[in-house]
């Protein structure tokens, strides 16, 4: 990817941490021509689902089909990609990775509001407590491009959006 292209940004984190709200706000406020790509929606629309996990009540992603579909899109730059996992995306795709974190009590309430079953709530809260997504990001990407942001409140949303906008401005000056 050349410097003249817009950077690709990965927004990841535990389900319910605030990724979607952040991505929606970013896609409306970032200067430039950024596309918001919600991997879960793409997977459903394009049928990139291998099977359904009955216990956790969620689809299991066909990563190969998804990656093949996204490759030409990511090459063009200017993408804000959102997904709750991150370690299977190629490192070359992203110039920055932001992991949205959330207090586990707030997260628990959000997941219950979504009517997640008890097993799925417990699994996701445990994931957040142990910082699983953040650790995956640090293992999958150069730690210099991985940043934690908060997703607990509207104030956090504004601050996270501002932090990412400042990162984009700095990247554009390179």
Protein backbone atom coordinates (compact mmCIF):
# COMPACT_ATOMS: atom_id res chain seq x y z
CA UNK A 1 0.00 0.00 0.00
CA UNK A 2 1.44 3.38 -0.96
CA UNK A 3 1.39 6.48 1.19
CA UNK A 4 -1.00 8.18 -1.22
CA UNK A 5 -3.73 5.68 -0.39
CA UNK A 6 -5.96 6.12 2.59
CA UNK A 7 -5.12 3.79 5.49
CA UNK A 8 -7.20 0.80 6.51
CA UNK A 9 -8.32 0.75 10.12
CA UNK A 10 -9.45 -2.31 12.07
CA UNK A 11 -11.92 -1.78 14.91
CA UNK A 12 -12.18 -4.91 17.02
CA UNK A 13 -13.31 -5.93 20.49
CA UNK A 14 -15.68 -8.15 22.39
CA UNK A 15 -19.30 -8.17 21.18
CA UNK A 16 -21.16 -5.37 22.95
CA UNK A 17 -18.06 -3.28 23.69
CA UNK A 18 -19.12 -0.43 21.39
CA UNK A 19 -17.46 -1.20 18.04
CA UNK A 20 -20.49 -0.54 15.84
CA UNK A 21 -21.32 2.83 17.33
CA UNK A 22 -17.70 3.90 16.99
CA UNK A 23 -17.50 2.75 13.37
CA UNK A 24 -20.77 4.44 12.46
CA UNK A 25 -19.56 7.71 13.97
CA UNK A 26 -16.15 7.44 12.33
CA UNK A 27 -17.59 6.75 8.90
CA UNK A 28 -19.62 9.98 9.16
CA UNK A 29 -16.92 12.20 10.64
CA UNK A 30 -13.58 11.15 9.12
CA UNK A 31 -12.20 13.35 6.40
CA UNK A 32 -11.80 11.45 3.17
CA UNK A 33 -13.58 8.62 1.48
CA UNK A 34 -13.72 5.89 4.13
CA UNK A 35 -15.96 2.85 3.81
CA UNK A 36 -17.38 1.16 6.91
CA UNK A 37 -17.28 -2.62 6.50
CA UNK A 38 -19.16 -4.64 9.11
CA UNK A 39 -17.77 -8.16 8.73
CA UNK A 40 -20.75 -9.82 10.46
CA UNK A 41 -23.18 -8.19 8.01
CA UNK A 42 -21.00 -9.04 5.02
CA UNK A 43 -20.76 -12.67 6.16
CA UNK A 44 -24.56 -12.93 6.42
CA UNK A 45 -25.25 -11.11 3.14
CA UNK A 46 -22.68 -13.10 1.14
CA UNK A 47 -23.31 -16.41 2.95
CA UNK A 48 -19.77 -16.71 4.31
CA UNK A 49 -21.04 -18.95 7.10
CA UNK A 50 -19.83 -22.53 7.52
CA UNK A 51 -22.31 -23.66 10.15
CA UNK A 52 -24.25 -22.52 13.20
CA UNK A 53 -23.04 -22.96 16.79
CA UNK A 54 -26.15 -24.06 18.67
CA UNK A 55 -24.57 -23.68 22.10
CA UNK A 56 -23.51 -20.05 21.62
CA UNK A 57 -26.33 -19.30 19.17
CA UNK A 58 -24.09 -17.75 16.52
CA UNK A 59 -22.90 -18.42 12.98
CA UNK A 60 -19.38 -19.74 12.38
CA UNK A 61 -17.55 -17.68 9.80
CA UNK A 62 -15.99 -19.17 6.67
CA UNK A 63 -12.79 -17.15 6.99
CA UNK A 64 -11.34 -18.21 3.63
CA UNK A 65 -14.37 -17.05 1.64
CA UNK A 66 -14.49 -13.79 3.59
CA UNK A 67 -10.78 -13.07 3.10
CA UNK A 68 -11.01 -13.80 -0.63
CA UNK A 69 -13.92 -11.38 -0.91
CA UNK A 70 -12.26 -8.64 1.14
CA UNK A 71 -8.78 -8.81 -0.45
CA UNK A 72 -9.46 -6.47 -3.42
CA UNK A 73 -11.50 -4.12 -1.24
CA UNK A 74 -8.74 -3.80 1.32
CA UNK A 75 -6.09 -3.22 -1.36
CA UNK A 76 -7.79 0.05 -2.32
CA UNK A 77 -7.43 1.49 1.23
CA UNK A 78 -9.79 3.80 3.07
CA UNK A 79 -11.66 1.07 4.92
CA UNK A 80 -12.88 0.92 8.50
CA UNK A 81 -13.31 -2.80 9.13
CA UNK A 82 -15.25 -3.97 12.18
CA UNK A 83 -15.28 -7.45 13.65
CA UNK A 84 -15.07 -9.09 17.07
CA UNK A 85 -12.12 -11.22 16.01
CA UNK A 86 -8.90 -10.04 14.46
CA UNK A 87 -6.13 -12.60 14.34
CA UNK A 88 -7.09 -14.12 10.98
CA UNK A 89 -6.94 -10.86 9.00
CA UNK A 90 -3.62 -10.34 7.20
CA UNK A 91 -1.32 -7.90 8.96
CA UNK A 92 -0.61 -6.12 5.66
CA UNK A 93 -4.23 -4.93 5.47
CA UNK A 94 -4.09 -2.49 8.39
CA UNK A 95 -2.15 0.59 9.29
CA UNK A 96 -3.90 0.81 12.65
CA UNK A 97 -5.87 -1.51 14.93
CA UNK A 98 -8.14 -0.15 17.66
CA UNK A 99 -9.46 -2.54 20.29
CA UNK A 100 -12.64 -1.29 21.96
CA UNK A 101 -12.78 -2.25 25.65
CA UNK A 102 -15.69 -2.11 28.07
CA UNK A 103 -16.27 -2.60 31.78
CA UNK A 104 -17.59 -6.13 32.24
CA UNK A 105 -20.67 -5.00 34.24
CA UNK A 106 -21.72 -2.66 31.42
CA UNK A 107 -20.90 -5.35 28.88
CA UNK A 108 -23.01 -7.90 30.76
CA UNK A 109 -26.02 -5.57 30.70
CA UNK A 110 -25.59 -4.84 26.99
CA UNK A 111 -25.39 -8.52 26.10
CA UNK A 112 -28.44 -9.36 28.20
CA UNK A 113 -30.33 -6.56 26.38
CA UNK A 114 -29.45 -8.33 23.13
CA UNK A 115 -31.06 -11.48 24.54
CA UNK A 116 -27.84 -13.48 24.37
CA UNK A 117 -28.15 -16.79 26.19
CA UNK A 118 -26.35 -17.22 29.52
CA UNK A 119 -23.51 -19.27 28.01
CA UNK A 120 -22.85 -16.63 25.33
CA UNK A 121 -22.98 -13.78 27.86
CA UNK A 122 -20.57 -15.58 30.19
CA UNK A 123 -18.19 -16.42 27.34
CA UNK A 124 -18.07 -12.81 26.09
CA UNK A 125 -17.74 -11.26 29.55
CA UNK A 126 -14.92 -13.70 30.34
CA UNK A 127 -13.26 -12.75 27.05
CA UNK A 128 -13.38 -9.08 28.07
CA UNK A 129 -12.15 -9.73 31.62
CA UNK A 130 -9.09 -11.55 30.30
CA UNK A 131 -8.48 -9.05 27.49
CA UNK A 132 -8.57 -11.84 24.92
CA UNK A 133 -9.20 -9.65 21.87
CA UNK A 134 -6.52 -7.16 22.89
CA UNK A 135 -4.03 -10.00 23.35
CA UNK A 136 -4.99 -11.47 19.96
CA UNK A 137 -4.40 -8.08 18.35
CA UNK A 138 -0.98 -7.74 19.98
CA UNK A 139 -0.01 -11.22 18.77
CA UNK A 140 -1.35 -10.75 15.23
CA UNK A 141 -0.08 -7.22 14.51
CA UNK A 142 2.91 -5.06 15.28
CA UNK A 143 2.18 -3.73 18.77
CA UNK A 144 2.99 -0.20 17.56
CA UNK A 145 -0.24 -0.13 15.56
CA UNK A 146 -2.52 -1.58 18.28
CA UNK A 147 -4.35 0.87 20.54
CA UNK A 148 -7.00 0.36 23.21
CA UNK A 149 -10.02 2.68 23.30
CA UNK A 150 -13.02 2.72 25.62
CA UNK A 151 -16.60 2.04 24.60
CA UNK A 152 -18.51 2.43 27.85
CA UNK A 153 -20.23 5.82 27.44
CA UNK A 154 -21.04 8.60 24.99
CA UNK A 155 -18.04 10.48 26.36
CA UNK A 156 -15.85 7.45 25.58
CA UNK A 157 -17.34 7.32 22.09
CA UNK A 158 -16.42 10.96 21.49
CA UNK A 159 -12.90 10.52 22.92
CA UNK A 160 -12.27 7.33 20.94
CA UNK A 161 -13.50 8.95 17.75
CA UNK A 162 -11.27 11.96 18.38
CA UNK A 163 -8.26 9.70 19.05
CA UNK A 164 -8.78 7.85 15.78
CA UNK A 165 -9.36 11.06 13.82
CA UNK A 166 -6.10 12.43 15.24
CA UNK A 167 -4.32 9.23 14.23
CA UNK A 168 -5.70 9.60 10.66
CA UNK A 169 -4.54 13.23 10.48
CA UNK A 170 -1.06 12.22 11.67
CA UNK A 171 -0.92 9.34 9.18
CA UNK A 172 -1.92 11.66 6.33
CA UNK A 173 0.96 14.02 7.22
CA UNK A 174 3.56 11.24 6.82
